[in-house]
């Protein structure tokens, strides 16, 4: 679970990149909690958090995605790119961006599933 300052705004951003809302709680008109998924990855957002600063990484979210090259093209102008597409020693192709809360989000797929 990741504590964020604005659950509704966070959910909207994650929906815009392909996540789906599985469940949420709305208290007095304010969204206070949400469960979201993309592929085989799930994440929960809860109210009461603070955005990360540029000097530290409070959260590193790792998301298994399909076709990271296409996803990267759609995100590279809408999010701060921390590291572009690269292959890792552990067999994935991935990239890293910051979400609206400045948390790091790594999108990865198995390198063997990437077609040239």
PDB file of N, CA and C in Angstrom:
ATOM      1  N   UNK A   1       0.846  -1.171   0.000  1.00  0.00           N
ATOM      2  CA  UNK A   1       0.000   0.000   0.000  1.00  0.00           C
ATOM      3  C   UNK A   1       0.891   1.233   0.000  1.00  0.00           C
ATOM      4  N   UNK A   2       0.504   2.197  -0.827  1.00  0.00           N
ATOM      5  CA  UNK A   2       1.253   3.439  -0.918  1.00  0.00           C
ATOM      6  C   UNK A   2       0.362   4.572  -0.423  1.00  0.00           C
ATOM      7  N   UNK A   3       0.860   5.339   0.518  1.00  0.00           N
ATOM      8  CA  UNK A   3       0.118   6.473   1.059  1.00  0.00           C
ATOM      9  C   UNK A   3       0.420   7.695   0.197  1.00  0.00           C
ATOM     10  N   UNK A   4      -0.640   8.324  -0.319  1.00  0.00           N
ATOM     11  CA  UNK A   4      -0.505   9.450  -1.249  1.00  0.00           C
ATOM     12  C   UNK A   4      -1.324  10.635  -0.752  1.00  0.00           C
ATOM     13  N   UNK A   5      -0.972  11.852  -1.171  1.00  0.00           N
ATOM     14  CA  UNK A   5      -1.705  13.029  -0.709  1.00  0.00           C
ATOM     15  C   UNK A   5      -3.100  13.164  -1.314  1.00  0.00           C
ATOM     16  N   UNK A   6      -3.306  12.656  -2.531  1.00  0.00           N
ATOM     17  CA  UNK A   6      -4.595  12.789  -3.203  1.00  0.00           C
ATOM     18  C   UNK A   6      -4.889  11.496  -3.960  1.00  0.00           C
ATOM     19  N   UNK A   7      -5.706  10.649  -3.357  1.00  0.00           N
ATOM     20  CA  UNK A   7      -5.989   9.338  -3.956  1.00  0.00           C
ATOM     21  C   UNK A   7      -6.679   9.500  -5.307  1.00  0.00           C
ATOM     22  N   UNK A   8      -7.671  10.377  -5.394  1.00  0.00           N
ATOM     23  CA  UNK A   8      -8.418  10.529  -6.649  1.00  0.00           C
ATOM     24  C   UNK A   8      -7.500  10.978  -7.794  1.00  0.00           C
ATOM     25  N   UNK A   9      -6.619  11.934  -7.554  1.00  0.00           N
ATOM     26  CA  UNK A   9      -5.694  12.400  -8.594  1.00  0.00           C
ATOM     27  C   UNK A   9      -4.706  11.298  -8.977  1.00  0.00           C
ATOM     28  N   UNK A  10      -4.244  10.556  -7.994  1.00  0.00           N
ATOM     29  CA  UNK A  10      -3.325   9.450  -8.260  1.00  0.00           C
ATOM     30  C   UNK A  10      -4.013   8.393  -9.100  1.00  0.00           C
ATOM     31  N   UNK A  11      -5.235   8.031  -8.740  1.00  0.00           N
ATOM     32  CA  UNK A  11      -6.006   7.041  -9.491  1.00  0.00           C
ATOM     33  C   UNK A  11      -6.216   7.517 -10.932  1.00  0.00           C
ATOM     34  N   UNK A  12      -6.547   8.775 -11.116  1.00  0.00           N
ATOM     35  CA  UNK A  12      -6.776   9.310 -12.466  1.00  0.00           C
ATOM     36  C   UNK A  12      -5.522   9.156 -13.326  1.00  0.00           C
ATOM     37  N   UNK A  13      -4.345   9.458 -12.762  1.00  0.00           N
ATOM     38  CA  UNK A  13      -3.112   9.336 -13.537  1.00  0.00           C
ATOM     39  C   UNK A  13      -2.847   7.881 -13.896  1.00  0.00           C
ATOM     40  N   UNK A  14      -2.976   6.984 -12.928  1.00  0.00           N
ATOM     41  CA  UNK A  14      -2.719   5.568 -13.193  1.00  0.00           C
ATOM     42  C   UNK A  14      -3.737   4.999 -14.185  1.00  0.00           C
ATOM     43  N   UNK A  15      -4.989   5.437 -14.116  1.00  0.00           N
ATOM     44  CA  UNK A  15      -5.977   5.011 -15.118  1.00  0.00           C
ATOM     45  C   UNK A  15      -5.563   5.488 -16.506  1.00  0.00           C
ATOM     46  N   UNK A  16      -5.028   6.689 -16.589  1.00  0.00           N
ATOM     47  CA  UNK A  16      -4.663   7.249 -17.896  1.00  0.00           C
ATOM     48  C   UNK A  16      -3.528   6.487 -18.572  1.00  0.00           C
ATOM     49  N   UNK A  17      -2.786   5.686 -17.809  1.00  0.00           N
ATOM     50  CA  UNK A  17      -1.698   4.914 -18.409  1.00  0.00           C
ATOM     51  C   UNK A  17      -2.032   3.431 -18.516  1.00  0.00           C
ATOM     52  N   UNK A  18      -3.289   3.070 -18.203  1.00  0.00           N
ATOM     53  CA  UNK A  18      -3.705   1.688 -18.431  1.00  0.00           C
ATOM     54  C   UNK A  18      -4.046   0.860 -17.216  1.00  0.00           C
ATOM     55  N   UNK A  19      -3.951   1.417 -16.015  1.00  0.00           N
ATOM     56  CA  UNK A  19      -4.370   0.690 -14.825  1.00  0.00           C
ATOM     57  C   UNK A  19      -5.890   0.686 -14.743  1.00  0.00           C
ATOM     58  N   UNK A  20      -6.448  -0.322 -14.097  1.00  0.00           N
ATOM     59  CA  UNK A  20      -7.888  -0.403 -13.869  1.00  0.00           C
ATOM     60  C   UNK A  20      -8.164  -0.370 -12.373  1.00  0.00           C
ATOM     61  N   UNK A  21      -9.245   0.294 -11.986  1.00  0.00           N
ATOM     62  CA  UNK A  21      -9.662   0.322 -10.580  1.00  0.00           C
ATOM     63  C   UNK A  21     -10.424  -0.970 -10.292  1.00  0.00           C
ATOM     64  N   UNK A  22      -9.940  -1.720  -9.309  1.00  0.00           N
ATOM     65  CA  UNK A  22     -10.622  -2.949  -8.900  1.00  0.00           C
ATOM     66  C   UNK A  22     -11.608  -2.689  -7.771  1.00  0.00           C
ATOM     67  N   UNK A  23     -11.278  -1.714  -6.917  1.00  0.00           N
ATOM     68  CA  UNK A  23     -12.132  -1.393  -5.776  1.00  0.00           C
ATOM     69  C   UNK A  23     -11.692  -0.031  -5.236  1.00  0.00           C
ATOM     70  N   UNK A  24     -12.604   0.665  -4.585  1.00  0.00           N
ATOM     71  CA  UNK A  24     -12.245   1.946  -3.976  1.00  0.00           C
ATOM     72  C   UNK A  24     -13.204   2.254  -2.842  1.00  0.00           C
ATOM     73  N   UNK A  25     -12.783   3.174  -1.975  1.00  0.00           N
ATOM     74  CA  UNK A  25     -13.610   3.647  -0.867  1.00  0.00           C
ATOM     75  C   UNK A  25     -13.711   5.158  -0.986  1.00  0.00           C
ATOM     76  N   UNK A  26     -14.942   5.659  -0.936  1.00  0.00           N
ATOM     77  CA  UNK A  26     -15.187   7.095  -0.977  1.00  0.00           C
ATOM     78  C   UNK A  26     -15.859   7.473   0.329  1.00  0.00           C
ATOM     79  N   UNK A  27     -15.247   8.392   1.069  1.00  0.00           N
ATOM     80  CA  UNK A  27     -15.765   8.886   2.349  1.00  0.00           C
ATOM     81  C   UNK A  27     -16.119  10.349   2.197  1.00  0.00           C
ATOM     82  N   UNK A  28     -17.395  10.700   2.349  1.00  0.00           N
ATOM     83  CA  UNK A  28     -17.791  12.103   2.268  1.00  0.00           C
ATOM     84  C   UNK A  28     -17.394  12.772   0.966  1.00  0.00           C
ATOM     85  N   UNK A  29     -17.434  12.036  -0.127  1.00  0.00           N
ATOM     86  CA  UNK A  29     -17.080  12.590  -1.421  1.00  0.00           C
ATOM     87  C   UNK A  29     -15.611  12.489  -1.779  1.00  0.00           C
ATOM     88  N   UNK A  30     -14.765  12.191  -0.802  1.00  0.00           N
ATOM     89  CA  UNK A  30     -13.323  12.067  -1.047  1.00  0.00           C
ATOM     90  C   UNK A  30     -12.934  10.597  -1.168  1.00  0.00           C
ATOM     91  N   UNK A  31     -12.170  10.270  -2.194  1.00  0.00           N
ATOM     92  CA  UNK A  31     -11.655   8.914  -2.333  1.00  0.00           C
ATOM     93  C   UNK A  31     -10.511   8.748  -1.337  1.00  0.00           C
ATOM     94  N   UNK A  32     -10.637   7.750  -0.459  1.00  0.00           N
ATOM     95  CA  UNK A  32      -9.626   7.558   0.583  1.00  0.00           C
ATOM     96  C   UNK A  32      -8.757   6.321   0.362  1.00  0.00           C
ATOM     97  N   UNK A  33      -9.184   5.445  -0.539  1.00  0.00           N
ATOM     98  CA  UNK A  33      -8.438   4.198  -0.781  1.00  0.00           C
ATOM     99  C   UNK A  33      -8.830   3.663  -2.142  1.00  0.00           C
ATOM    100  N   UNK A  34      -7.880   3.039  -2.834  1.00  0.00           N
ATOM    101  CA  UNK A  34      -8.173   2.397  -4.123  1.00  0.00           C
ATOM    102  C   UNK A  34      -7.219   1.232  -4.352  1.00  0.00           C
ATOM    103  N   UNK A  35      -7.751   0.198  -4.958  1.00  0.00           N
ATOM    104  CA  UNK A  35      -6.972  -0.954  -5.406  1.00  0.00           C
ATOM    105  C   UNK A  35      -7.004  -0.932  -6.926  1.00  0.00           C
ATOM    106  N   UNK A  36      -5.802  -0.957  -7.546  1.00  0.00           N
ATOM    107  CA  UNK A  36      -5.698  -0.874  -9.000  1.00  0.00           C
ATOM    108  C   UNK A  36      -4.831  -2.006  -9.523  1.00  0.00           C
ATOM    109  N   UNK A  37      -5.017  -2.321 -10.811  1.00  0.00           N
ATOM    110  CA  UNK A  37      -4.196  -3.367 -11.421  1.00  0.00           C
ATOM    111  C   UNK A  37      -3.814  -3.013 -12.842  1.00  0.00           C
ATOM    112  N   UNK A  38      -2.688  -3.568 -13.246  1.00  0.00           N
ATOM    113  CA  UNK A  38      -2.245  -3.544 -14.642  1.00  0.00           C
ATOM    114  C   UNK A  38      -1.596  -4.896 -14.873  1.00  0.00           C
ATOM    115  N   UNK A  39      -2.145  -5.659 -15.794  1.00  0.00           N
ATOM    116  CA  UNK A  39      -1.597  -6.995 -16.024  1.00  0.00           C
ATOM    117  C   UNK A  39      -1.629  -7.804 -14.744  1.00  0.00           C
ATOM    118  N   UNK A  40      -0.492  -8.342 -14.370  1.00  0.00           N
ATOM    119  CA  UNK A  40      -0.436  -9.163 -13.157  1.00  0.00           C
ATOM    120  C   UNK A  40       0.017  -8.379 -11.922  1.00  0.00           C
ATOM    121  N   UNK A  41       0.109  -7.062 -12.053  1.00  0.00           N
ATOM    122  CA  UNK A  41       0.527  -6.215 -10.932  1.00  0.00           C
ATOM    123  C   UNK A  41      -0.674  -5.510 -10.313  1.00  0.00           C
ATOM    124  N   UNK A  42      -0.689  -5.437  -8.994  1.00  0.00           N
ATOM    125  CA  UNK A  42      -1.718  -4.707  -8.259  1.00  0.00           C
ATOM    126  C   UNK A  42      -1.052  -3.740  -7.290  1.00  0.00           C
ATOM    127  N   UNK A  43      -1.724  -2.615  -7.049  1.00  0.00           N
ATOM    128  CA  UNK A  43      -1.222  -1.635  -6.094  1.00  0.00           C
ATOM    129  C   UNK A  43      -2.406  -1.006  -5.379  1.00  0.00           C
ATOM    130  N   UNK A  44      -2.212  -0.708  -4.095  1.00  0.00           N
ATOM    131  CA  UNK A  44      -3.227  -0.012  -3.313  1.00  0.00           C
ATOM    132  C   UNK A  44      -2.716   1.381  -2.984  1.00  0.00           C
ATOM    133  N   UNK A  45      -3.608   2.362  -3.078  1.00  0.00           N
ATOM    134  CA  UNK A  45      -3.299   3.731  -2.698  1.00  0.00           C
ATOM    135  C   UNK A  45      -4.203   4.109  -1.541  1.00  0.00           C
ATOM    136  N   UNK A  46      -3.632   4.759  -0.541  1.00  0.00           N
ATOM    137  CA  UNK A  46      -4.369   5.169   0.645  1.00  0.00           C
ATOM    138  C   UNK A  46      -4.083   6.641   0.932  1.00  0.00           C
ATOM    139  N   UNK A  47      -5.079   7.334   1.437  1.00  0.00           N
ATOM    140  CA  UNK A  47      -4.934   8.760   1.755  1.00  0.00           C
ATOM    141  C   UNK A  47      -3.965   8.965   2.915  1.00  0.00           C
ATOM    142  N   UNK A  48      -3.444  10.175   3.008  1.00  0.00           N
ATOM    143  CA  UNK A  48      -2.618  10.552   4.151  1.00  0.00           C
ATOM    144  C   UNK A  48      -1.135  10.614   3.895  1.00  0.00           C
ATOM    145  N   UNK A  49      -0.711  10.418   2.666  1.00  0.00           N
ATOM    146  CA  UNK A  49       0.715  10.434   2.363  1.00  0.00           C
ATOM    147  C   UNK A  49       1.201  11.793   1.903  1.00  0.00           C
ATOM    148  N   UNK A  50       2.474  11.841   1.593  1.00  0.00           N
ATOM    149  CA  UNK A  50       3.127  13.058   1.118  1.00  0.00           C
ATOM    150  C   UNK A  50       3.889  12.730  -0.156  1.00  0.00           C
ATOM    151  N   UNK A  51       4.011  13.683  -1.070  1.00  0.00           N
ATOM    152  CA  UNK A  51       4.804  13.421  -2.277  1.00  0.00           C
ATOM    153  C   UNK A  51       6.276  13.263  -1.923  1.00  0.00           C
ATOM    154  N   UNK A  52       6.976  12.545  -2.742  1.00  0.00           N
ATOM    155  CA  UNK A  52       8.412  12.378  -2.571  1.00  0.00           C
ATOM    156  C   UNK A  52       9.105  13.674  -2.975  1.00  0.00           C
ATOM    157  N   UNK A  53      10.311  13.847  -2.516  1.00  0.00           N
ATOM    158  CA  UNK A  53      11.095  15.014  -2.907  1.00  0.00           C
ATOM    159  C   UNK A  53      12.043  14.617  -4.023  1.00  0.00           C
ATOM    160  N   UNK A  54      12.695  15.572  -4.601  1.00  0.00           N
ATOM    161  CA  UNK A  54      13.660  15.253  -5.653  1.00  0.00           C
ATOM    162  C   UNK A  54      14.939  14.665  -5.078  1.00  0.00           C
ATOM    163  N   UNK A  55      15.093  14.738  -3.768  1.00  0.00           N
ATOM    164  CA  UNK A  55      16.333  14.293  -3.143  1.00  0.00           C
ATOM    165  C   UNK A  55      16.290  12.874  -2.602  1.00  0.00           C
ATOM    166  N   UNK A  56      15.104  12.284  -2.557  1.00  0.00           N
ATOM    167  CA  UNK A  56      15.042  10.919  -2.037  1.00  0.00           C
ATOM    168  C   UNK A  56      13.927  10.150  -2.725  1.00  0.00           C
ATOM    169  N   UNK A  57      14.035   8.841  -2.658  1.00  0.00           N
ATOM    170  CA  UNK A  57      13.036   7.950  -3.226  1.00  0.00           C
ATOM    171  C   UNK A  57      12.334   7.258  -2.075  1.00  0.00           C
ATOM    172  N   UNK A  58      11.106   7.601  -1.853  1.00  0.00           N
ATOM    173  CA  UNK A  58      10.359   6.969  -0.763  1.00  0.00           C
ATOM    174  C   UNK A  58       9.671   5.700  -1.217  1.00  0.00           C
ATOM    175  N   UNK A  59       9.331   5.610  -2.495  1.00  0.00           N
ATOM    176  CA  UNK A  59       8.615   4.450  -3.029  1.00  0.00           C
ATOM    177  C   UNK A  59       9.222   4.088  -4.372  1.00  0.00           C
ATOM    178  N   UNK A  60       9.428   2.795  -4.573  1.00  0.00           N
ATOM    179  CA  UNK A  60       9.789   2.241  -5.872  1.00  0.00           C
ATOM    180  C   UNK A  60       8.748   1.187  -6.206  1.00  0.00           C
ATOM    181  N   UNK A  61       7.879   1.483  -7.138  1.00  0.00           N
ATOM    182  CA  UNK A  61       6.825   0.563  -7.551  1.00  0.00           C
ATOM    183  C   UNK A  61       7.312  -0.176  -8.787  1.00  0.00           C
ATOM    184  N   UNK A  62       7.195  -1.497  -8.795  1.00  0.00           N
ATOM    185  CA  UNK A  62       7.646  -2.321  -9.910  1.00  0.00           C
ATOM    186  C   UNK A  62       6.424  -2.950 -10.556  1.00  0.00           C
ATOM    187  N   UNK A  63       6.186  -2.658 -11.844  1.00  0.00           N
ATOM    188  CA  UNK A  63       4.982  -3.102 -12.536  1.00  0.00           C
ATOM    189  C   UNK A  63       5.359  -3.972 -13.724  1.00  0.00           C
ATOM    190  N   UNK A  64       4.804  -5.183 -13.754  1.00  0.00           N
ATOM    191  CA  UNK A  64       4.968  -6.049 -14.913  1.00  0.00           C
ATOM    192  C   UNK A  64       4.001  -5.564 -15.983  1.00  0.00           C
ATOM    193  N   UNK A  65       4.519  -5.234 -17.148  1.00  0.00           N
ATOM    194  CA  UNK A  65       3.693  -4.685 -18.223  1.00  0.00           C
ATOM    195  C   UNK A  65       3.979  -5.421 -19.518  1.00  0.00           C
ATOM    196  N   UNK A  66       3.101  -5.234 -20.478  1.00  0.00           N
ATOM    197  CA  UNK A  66       3.327  -5.774 -21.813  1.00  0.00           C
ATOM    198  C   UNK A  66       3.727  -4.638 -22.733  1.00  0.00           C
ATOM    199  N   UNK A  67       4.660  -4.921 -23.605  1.00  0.00           N
ATOM    200  CA  UNK A  67       5.133  -3.970 -24.611  1.00  0.00           C
ATOM    201  C   UNK A  67       5.567  -2.646 -23.994  1.00  0.00           C
ATOM    202  N   UNK A  68       6.642  -2.696 -23.229  1.00  0.00           N
ATOM    203  CA  UNK A  68       7.123  -1.495 -22.546  1.00  0.00           C
ATOM    204  C   UNK A  68       7.554  -0.400 -23.529  1.00  0.00           C
ATOM    205  N   UNK A  69       7.946  -0.778 -24.737  1.00  0.00           N
ATOM    206  CA  UNK A  69       8.348   0.246 -25.709  1.00  0.00           C
ATOM    207  C   UNK A  69       7.170   1.149 -26.067  1.00  0.00           C
ATOM    208  N   UNK A  70       6.007   0.576 -26.284  1.00  0.00           N
ATOM    209  CA  UNK A  70       4.813   1.368 -26.595  1.00  0.00           C
ATOM    210  C   UNK A  70       4.410   2.200 -25.388  1.00  0.00           C
ATOM    211  N   UNK A  71       4.443   1.599 -24.204  1.00  0.00           N
ATOM    212  CA  UNK A  71       4.100   2.324 -22.986  1.00  0.00           C
ATOM    213  C   UNK A  71       5.062   3.481 -22.749  1.00  0.00           C
ATOM    214  N   UNK A  72       6.352   3.251 -22.983  1.00  0.00           N
ATOM    215  CA  UNK A  72       7.335   4.315 -22.818  1.00  0.00           C
ATOM    216  C   UNK A  72       7.037   5.485 -23.750  1.00  0.00           C
ATOM    217  N   UNK A  73       6.713   5.199 -25.004  1.00  0.00           N
ATOM    218  CA  UNK A  73       6.407   6.265 -25.962  1.00  0.00           C
ATOM    219  C   UNK A  73       5.225   7.112 -25.489  1.00  0.00           C
ATOM    220  N   UNK A  74       4.233   6.487 -24.854  1.00  0.00           N
ATOM    221  CA  UNK A  74       3.071   7.249 -24.400  1.00  0.00           C
ATOM    222  C   UNK A  74       3.340   8.020 -23.109  1.00  0.00           C
ATOM    223  N   UNK A  75       4.344   7.612 -22.351  1.00  0.00           N
ATOM    224  CA  UNK A  75       4.619   8.251 -21.063  1.00  0.00           C
ATOM    225  C   UNK A  75       5.768   9.257 -21.083  1.00  0.00           C
ATOM    226  N   UNK A  76       6.649   9.161 -22.029  1.00  0.00           N
ATOM    227  CA  UNK A  76       7.881   9.954 -21.962  1.00  0.00           C
ATOM    228  C   UNK A  76       7.652  11.458 -21.975  1.00  0.00           C
ATOM    229  N   UNK A  77       6.520  11.917 -22.471  1.00  0.00           N
ATOM    230  CA  UNK A  77       6.229  13.351 -22.448  1.00  0.00           C
ATOM    231  C   UNK A  77       5.233  13.719 -21.347  1.00  0.00           C
ATOM    232  N   UNK A  78       4.703  12.717 -20.626  1.00  0.00           N
ATOM    233  CA  UNK A  78       3.706  12.978 -19.582  1.00  0.00           C
ATOM    234  C   UNK A  78       4.222  12.701 -18.178  1.00  0.00           C
ATOM    235  N   UNK A  79       5.446  12.221 -18.080  1.00  0.00           N
ATOM    236  CA  UNK A  79       6.026  11.913 -16.775  1.00  0.00           C
ATOM    237  C   UNK A  79       7.523  12.180 -16.839  1.00  0.00           C
ATOM    238  N   UNK A  80       8.100  12.468 -15.701  1.00  0.00           N
ATOM    239  CA  UNK A  80       9.559  12.643 -15.632  1.00  0.00           C
ATOM    240  C   UNK A  80      10.221  11.281 -15.821  1.00  0.00           C
ATOM    241  N   UNK A  81      11.047  11.169 -16.849  1.00  0.00           N
ATOM    242  CA  UNK A  81      11.755   9.917 -17.110  1.00  0.00           C
ATOM    243  C   UNK A  81      12.999   9.875 -16.238  1.00  0.00           C
ATOM    244  N   UNK A  82      13.090   8.859 -15.402  1.00  0.00           N
ATOM    245  CA  UNK A  82      14.264   8.653 -14.557  1.00  0.00           C
ATOM    246  C   UNK A  82      15.321   7.893 -15.340  1.00  0.00           C
ATOM    247  N   UNK A  83      14.892   6.839 -16.062  1.00  0.00           N
ATOM    248  CA  UNK A  83      15.806   6.046 -16.882  1.00  0.00           C
ATOM    249  C   UNK A  83      15.007   5.472 -18.048  1.00  0.00           C
ATOM    250  N   UNK A  84      15.506   5.678 -19.257  1.00  0.00           N
ATOM    251  CA  UNK A  84      14.835   5.184 -20.455  1.00  0.00           C
ATOM    252  C   UNK A  84      14.896   3.668 -20.554  1.00  0.00           C
ATOM    253  N   UNK A  85      14.404   3.155 -21.646  1.00  0.00           N
ATOM    254  CA  UNK A  85      14.347   1.701 -21.844  1.00  0.00           C
ATOM    255  C   UNK A  85      15.752   1.116 -21.813  1.00  0.00           C
ATOM    256  N   UNK A  86      15.888   0.058 -21.041  1.00  0.00           N
ATOM    257  CA  UNK A  86      17.170  -0.621 -20.905  1.00  0.00           C
ATOM    258  C   UNK A  86      16.933  -2.086 -20.554  1.00  0.00           C
ATOM    259  N   UNK A  87      17.913  -2.908 -20.855  1.00  0.00           N
ATOM    260  CA  UNK A  87      17.867  -4.320 -20.489  1.00  0.00           C
ATOM    261  C   UNK A  87      18.645  -4.493 -19.192  1.00  0.00           C
ATOM    262  N   UNK A  88      18.173  -5.407 -18.363  1.00  0.00           N
ATOM    263  CA  UNK A  88      18.794  -5.630 -17.061  1.00  0.00           C
ATOM    264  C   UNK A  88      19.539  -6.959 -17.017  1.00  0.00           C
ATOM    265  N   UNK A  89      20.390  -7.100 -16.032  1.00  0.00           N
ATOM    266  CA  UNK A  89      21.122  -8.351 -15.849  1.00  0.00           C
ATOM    267  C   UNK A  89      20.196  -9.476 -15.404  1.00  0.00           C
ATOM    268  N   UNK A  90      19.004  -9.131 -14.886  1.00  0.00           N
ATOM    269  CA  UNK A  90      18.066 -10.159 -14.419  1.00  0.00           C
ATOM    270  C   UNK A  90      16.994 -10.498 -15.453  1.00  0.00           C
ATOM    271  N   UNK A  91      17.224 -10.093 -16.712  1.00  0.00           N
ATOM    272  CA  UNK A  91      16.409 -10.583 -17.807  1.00  0.00           C
ATOM    273  C   UNK A  91      15.153  -9.817 -18.152  1.00  0.00           C
ATOM    274  N   UNK A  92      15.096  -8.539 -17.788  1.00  0.00           N
ATOM    275  CA  UNK A  92      13.931  -7.745 -18.169  1.00  0.00           C
ATOM    276  C   UNK A  92      14.350  -6.555 -19.025  1.00  0.00           C
ATOM    277  N   UNK A  93      13.399  -6.068 -19.767  1.00  0.00           N
ATOM    278  CA  UNK A  93      13.530  -4.778 -20.462  1.00  0.00           C
ATOM    279  C   UNK A  93      12.593  -3.851 -19.714  1.00  0.00           C
ATOM    280  N   UNK A  94      13.100  -2.683 -19.303  1.00  0.00           N
ATOM    281  CA  UNK A  94      12.303  -1.818 -18.444  1.00  0.00           C
ATOM    282  C   UNK A  94      12.664  -0.358 -18.604  1.00  0.00           C
ATOM    283  N   UNK A  95      11.823   0.494 -18.028  1.00  0.00           N
ATOM    284  CA  UNK A  95      12.101   1.923 -17.925  1.00  0.00           C
ATOM    285  C   UNK A  95      11.506   2.419 -16.620  1.00  0.00           C
ATOM    286  N   UNK A  96      11.984   3.597 -16.175  1.00  0.00           N
ATOM    287  CA  UNK A  96      11.554   4.144 -14.889  1.00  0.00           C
ATOM    288  C   UNK A  96      11.089   5.583 -15.093  1.00  0.00           C
ATOM    289  N   UNK A  97       9.915   5.908 -14.525  1.00  0.00           N
ATOM    290  CA  UNK A  97       9.387   7.273 -14.523  1.00  0.00           C
ATOM    291  C   UNK A  97       8.966   7.628 -13.105  1.00  0.00           C
ATOM    292  N   UNK A  98       8.675   8.911 -12.895  1.00  0.00           N
ATOM    293  CA  UNK A  98       8.093   9.354 -11.630  1.00  0.00           C
ATOM    294  C   UNK A  98       6.603   9.595 -11.864  1.00  0.00           C
ATOM    295  N   UNK A  99       5.777   9.155 -10.908  1.00  0.00           N
ATOM    296  CA  UNK A  99       4.336   9.395 -10.998  1.00  0.00           C
ATOM    297  C   UNK A  99       4.038  10.803 -10.471  1.00  0.00           C
ATOM    298  N   UNK A 100       2.777  11.223 -10.402  1.00  0.00           N
ATOM    299  CA  UNK A 100       2.463  12.586  -9.942  1.00  0.00           C
ATOM    300  C   UNK A 100       2.906  12.873  -8.505  1.00  0.00           C
ATOM    301  N   UNK A 101       3.121  11.819  -7.719  1.00  0.00           N
ATOM    302  CA  UNK A 101       3.595  11.972  -6.343  1.00  0.00           C
ATOM    303  C   UNK A 101       5.117  11.924  -6.262  1.00  0.00           C
ATOM    304  N   UNK A 102       5.753  11.856  -7.406  1.00  0.00           N
ATOM    305  CA  UNK A 102       7.201  11.783  -7.560  1.00  0.00           C
ATOM    306  C   UNK A 102       7.780  10.450  -7.099  1.00  0.00           C
ATOM    307  N   UNK A 103       6.930   9.425  -6.981  1.00  0.00           N
ATOM    308  CA  UNK A 103       7.401   8.083  -6.663  1.00  0.00           C
ATOM    309  C   UNK A 103       7.920   7.433  -7.941  1.00  0.00           C
ATOM    310  N   UNK A 104       8.946   6.612  -7.806  1.00  0.00           N
ATOM    311  CA  UNK A 104       9.520   5.927  -8.953  1.00  0.00           C
ATOM    312  C   UNK A 104       8.645   4.742  -9.339  1.00  0.00           C
ATOM    313  N   UNK A 105       8.346   4.622 -10.633  1.00  0.00           N
ATOM    314  CA  UNK A 105       7.581   3.494 -11.148  1.00  0.00           C
ATOM    315  C   UNK A 105       8.387   2.856 -12.271  1.00  0.00           C
ATOM    316  N   UNK A 106       8.740   1.588 -12.071  1.00  0.00           N
ATOM    317  CA  UNK A 106       9.455   0.823 -13.088  1.00  0.00           C
ATOM    318  C   UNK A 106       8.453  -0.058 -13.807  1.00  0.00           C
ATOM    319  N   UNK A 107       8.399   0.050 -15.133  1.00  0.00           N
ATOM    320  CA  UNK A 107       7.566  -0.814 -15.958  1.00  0.00           C
ATOM    321  C   UNK A 107       8.507  -1.795 -16.635  1.00  0.00           C
ATOM    322  N   UNK A 108       8.222  -3.093 -16.512  1.00  0.00           N
ATOM    323  CA  UNK A 108       9.152  -4.102 -17.017  1.00  0.00           C
ATOM    324  C   UNK A 108       8.410  -5.259 -17.674  1.00  0.00           C
ATOM    325  N   UNK A 109       9.103  -5.861 -18.634  1.00  0.00           N
ATOM    326  CA  UNK A 109       8.638  -7.107 -19.236  1.00  0.00           C
ATOM    327  C   UNK A 109       9.845  -8.018 -19.396  1.00  0.00           C
ATOM    328  N   UNK A 110       9.580  -9.311 -19.500  1.00  0.00           N
ATOM    329  CA  UNK A 110      10.679 -10.244 -19.695  1.00  0.00           C
ATOM    330  C   UNK A 110      11.343  -9.943 -21.031  1.00  0.00           C
ATOM    331  N   UNK A 111      12.658  -9.870 -21.027  1.00  0.00           N
ATOM    332  CA  UNK A 111      13.395  -9.551 -22.262  1.00  0.00           C
ATOM    333  C   UNK A 111      13.128 -10.593 -23.331  1.00  0.00           C
ATOM    334  N   UNK A 112      12.878 -11.842 -22.943  1.00  0.00           N
ATOM    335  CA  UNK A 112      12.612 -12.897 -23.926  1.00  0.00           C
ATOM    336  C   UNK A 112      11.278 -12.689 -24.643  1.00  0.00           C
ATOM    337  N   UNK A 113      10.368 -11.862 -24.060  1.00  0.00           N
ATOM    338  CA  UNK A 113       9.076 -11.610 -24.704  1.00  0.00           C
ATOM    339  C   UNK A 113       9.145 -10.439 -25.674  1.00  0.00           C
ATOM    340  N   UNK A 114      10.288  -9.766 -25.725  1.00  0.00           N
ATOM    341  CA  UNK A 114      10.458  -8.619 -26.606  1.00  0.00           C
ATOM    342  C   UNK A 114      10.871  -9.119 -27.986  1.00  0.00           C
ATOM    343  N   UNK A 115      10.126  -8.696 -28.999  1.00  0.00           N
ATOM    344  CA  UNK A 115      10.477  -9.073 -30.356  1.00  0.00           C
ATOM    345  C   UNK A 115      11.185  -7.927 -31.040  1.00  0.00           C
ATOM    346  N   UNK A 116      12.199  -8.234 -31.773  1.00  0.00           N
ATOM    347  CA  UNK A 116      12.968  -7.179 -32.456  1.00  0.00           C
ATOM    348  C   UNK A 116      12.407  -6.898 -33.811  1.00  0.00           C
TER     349      UNK A 116
END
